[in-house]
């Protein structure tokens, strides 16, 4: 199954809904990927306003 990025929180998922924000607004058109292991202690996660660990797209169209 092809990976899709959530248009709301940018989490990259393989299903039909985002487990992070429960949205079904997903897109296959995204660019840039960042993987967050520890959202609480990550300056990048803080800058991107990411609260949970996971694989995120930087830009979603």
N, C-alpha and C. Protein backbone atom coordinates (compact mmCIF):
# COMPACT_ATOMS: atom_id res chain seq x y z
N UNK A 1 0.84 -1.17 0.00
CA UNK A 1 0.00 0.00 0.00
C UNK A 1 0.89 1.24 0.00
N UNK A 2 0.52 2.24 -0.78
CA UNK A 2 1.31 3.45 -0.93
C UNK A 2 1.17 4.36 0.29
N UNK A 3 2.28 4.97 0.68
CA UNK A 3 2.25 5.88 1.82
C UNK A 3 1.57 7.19 1.43
N UNK A 4 0.81 7.74 2.38
CA UNK A 4 0.12 9.01 2.18
C UNK A 4 0.42 9.89 3.38
N UNK A 5 0.37 11.19 3.17
CA UNK A 5 0.59 12.15 4.25
C UNK A 5 -0.72 12.83 4.61
N UNK A 6 -0.93 12.97 5.89
CA UNK A 6 -2.13 13.65 6.39
C UNK A 6 -2.01 15.15 6.10
N UNK A 7 -3.05 15.73 5.55
CA UNK A 7 -3.04 17.16 5.24
C UNK A 7 -3.15 18.03 6.49
N UNK A 8 -3.60 17.45 7.59
CA UNK A 8 -3.77 18.21 8.83
C UNK A 8 -2.50 18.22 9.67
N UNK A 9 -1.99 17.03 10.02
CA UNK A 9 -0.83 16.95 10.94
C UNK A 9 0.45 16.50 10.25
N UNK A 10 0.39 16.14 8.95
CA UNK A 10 1.55 15.75 8.12
C UNK A 10 2.14 14.38 8.46
N UNK A 11 1.49 13.60 9.30
CA UNK A 11 1.96 12.25 9.61
C UNK A 11 1.84 11.39 8.36
N UNK A 12 2.85 10.58 8.07
CA UNK A 12 2.82 9.68 6.93
C UNK A 12 2.23 8.35 7.37
N UNK A 13 1.17 7.92 6.68
CA UNK A 13 0.43 6.72 7.05
C UNK A 13 0.26 5.82 5.84
N UNK A 14 -0.13 4.57 6.08
CA UNK A 14 -0.41 3.64 4.99
C UNK A 14 -1.88 3.27 4.92
N UNK A 15 -2.68 3.67 5.88
CA UNK A 15 -4.10 3.34 5.92
C UNK A 15 -4.97 4.41 5.26
N UNK A 16 -6.25 4.38 5.59
CA UNK A 16 -7.21 5.33 5.03
C UNK A 16 -7.49 6.52 5.93
N UNK A 17 -7.10 6.42 7.21
CA UNK A 17 -7.27 7.52 8.15
C UNK A 17 -6.00 7.71 8.96
N UNK A 18 -5.82 8.91 9.44
CA UNK A 18 -4.64 9.23 10.24
C UNK A 18 -4.87 8.81 11.68
N UNK A 19 -4.00 7.99 12.25
CA UNK A 19 -4.17 7.57 13.65
C UNK A 19 -3.86 8.70 14.63
N UNK A 20 -3.18 9.72 14.17
CA UNK A 20 -2.78 10.84 15.02
C UNK A 20 -3.93 11.82 15.26
N UNK A 21 -4.58 12.27 14.18
CA UNK A 21 -5.64 13.28 14.30
C UNK A 21 -7.00 12.77 13.82
N UNK A 22 -7.07 11.51 13.41
CA UNK A 22 -8.32 10.86 12.96
C UNK A 22 -8.90 11.47 11.69
N UNK A 23 -8.10 12.17 10.92
CA UNK A 23 -8.56 12.79 9.68
C UNK A 23 -8.46 11.80 8.52
N UNK A 24 -9.33 11.96 7.54
CA UNK A 24 -9.26 11.14 6.33
C UNK A 24 -8.76 11.96 5.15
N UNK A 25 -8.31 13.20 5.41
CA UNK A 25 -7.77 14.07 4.36
C UNK A 25 -6.29 13.71 4.15
N UNK A 26 -6.04 12.77 3.24
CA UNK A 26 -4.69 12.29 2.98
C UNK A 26 -4.28 12.62 1.56
N UNK A 27 -2.99 12.76 1.32
CA UNK A 27 -2.48 13.07 0.00
C UNK A 27 -1.25 12.23 -0.30
N UNK A 28 -1.12 11.82 -1.55
CA UNK A 28 0.08 11.10 -1.99
C UNK A 28 1.16 12.07 -2.45
N UNK A 29 0.81 13.34 -2.56
CA UNK A 29 1.76 14.36 -3.01
C UNK A 29 2.33 15.10 -1.80
N UNK A 30 3.52 14.70 -1.41
CA UNK A 30 4.21 15.35 -0.30
C UNK A 30 5.70 15.34 -0.59
N UNK A 31 6.43 16.21 0.10
CA UNK A 31 7.87 16.27 -0.10
C UNK A 31 8.56 16.49 1.25
N UNK A 32 9.76 15.98 1.35
CA UNK A 32 10.54 16.09 2.58
C UNK A 32 10.00 15.19 3.66
N UNK A 33 10.89 14.52 4.35
CA UNK A 33 10.49 13.61 5.42
C UNK A 33 11.38 13.85 6.63
N UNK A 34 10.75 13.87 7.80
CA UNK A 34 11.49 13.94 9.05
C UNK A 34 10.93 12.86 9.97
N UNK A 35 11.83 12.16 10.66
CA UNK A 35 11.41 11.11 11.60
C UNK A 35 11.71 11.59 13.00
N UNK A 36 10.68 11.61 13.83
CA UNK A 36 10.80 12.07 15.21
C UNK A 36 10.75 10.85 16.13
N UNK A 37 11.80 10.67 16.93
CA UNK A 37 11.87 9.57 17.88
C UNK A 37 11.41 9.99 19.28
N UNK A 38 11.77 11.21 19.68
CA UNK A 38 11.43 11.71 21.02
C UNK A 38 10.90 13.13 20.88
N UNK A 39 9.59 13.26 20.74
CA UNK A 39 8.97 14.56 20.48
C UNK A 39 9.13 15.53 21.65
N UNK A 40 9.24 15.02 22.86
CA UNK A 40 9.34 15.88 24.03
C UNK A 40 10.69 16.60 24.13
N UNK A 41 11.75 15.97 23.66
CA UNK A 41 13.09 16.54 23.79
C UNK A 41 13.70 16.97 22.46
N UNK A 42 12.90 17.05 21.41
CA UNK A 42 13.40 17.39 20.09
C UNK A 42 13.13 18.85 19.75
N UNK A 43 14.18 19.58 19.40
CA UNK A 43 14.01 20.97 18.99
C UNK A 43 13.30 21.05 17.63
N UNK A 44 13.54 20.07 16.77
CA UNK A 44 12.87 20.04 15.47
C UNK A 44 11.38 19.81 15.65
N UNK A 45 11.01 18.89 16.52
CA UNK A 45 9.59 18.63 16.80
C UNK A 45 8.93 19.87 17.39
N UNK A 46 9.64 20.57 18.24
CA UNK A 46 9.08 21.80 18.82
C UNK A 46 8.86 22.85 17.74
N UNK A 47 9.84 23.01 16.86
CA UNK A 47 9.74 23.99 15.77
C UNK A 47 8.59 23.66 14.82
N UNK A 48 8.39 22.37 14.53
CA UNK A 48 7.34 21.93 13.62
C UNK A 48 6.00 21.69 14.33
N UNK A 49 5.97 21.91 15.64
CA UNK A 49 4.78 21.73 16.47
C UNK A 49 4.26 20.29 16.41
N UNK A 50 5.19 19.33 16.50
CA UNK A 50 4.86 17.91 16.49
C UNK A 50 4.85 17.41 17.93
N UNK A 51 3.78 16.73 18.31
CA UNK A 51 3.62 16.27 19.69
C UNK A 51 3.89 14.78 19.87
N UNK A 52 3.83 13.98 18.78
CA UNK A 52 3.99 12.52 18.87
C UNK A 52 5.12 12.05 17.96
N UNK A 53 5.74 10.92 18.34
CA UNK A 53 6.79 10.37 17.50
C UNK A 53 6.18 9.81 16.22
N UNK A 54 7.00 9.73 15.16
CA UNK A 54 6.53 9.18 13.90
C UNK A 54 7.27 9.77 12.72
N UNK A 55 6.82 9.40 11.53
CA UNK A 55 7.40 9.85 10.27
C UNK A 55 6.47 10.92 9.70
N UNK A 56 7.01 12.13 9.47
CA UNK A 56 6.21 13.27 9.05
C UNK A 56 6.72 13.85 7.73
N UNK A 57 5.79 14.37 6.94
CA UNK A 57 6.13 15.07 5.71
C UNK A 57 6.35 16.54 6.05
N UNK A 58 7.29 17.18 5.36
CA UNK A 58 7.53 18.59 5.60
C UNK A 58 6.54 19.46 4.83
N UNK A 59 6.16 19.03 3.63
CA UNK A 59 5.20 19.77 2.82
C UNK A 59 4.19 18.78 2.21
N UNK A 60 2.92 19.10 2.34
CA UNK A 60 1.85 18.26 1.79
C UNK A 60 1.01 19.12 0.85
N UNK A 61 0.78 18.58 -0.38
CA UNK A 61 -0.07 19.29 -1.34
C UNK A 61 -1.39 18.64 -1.45
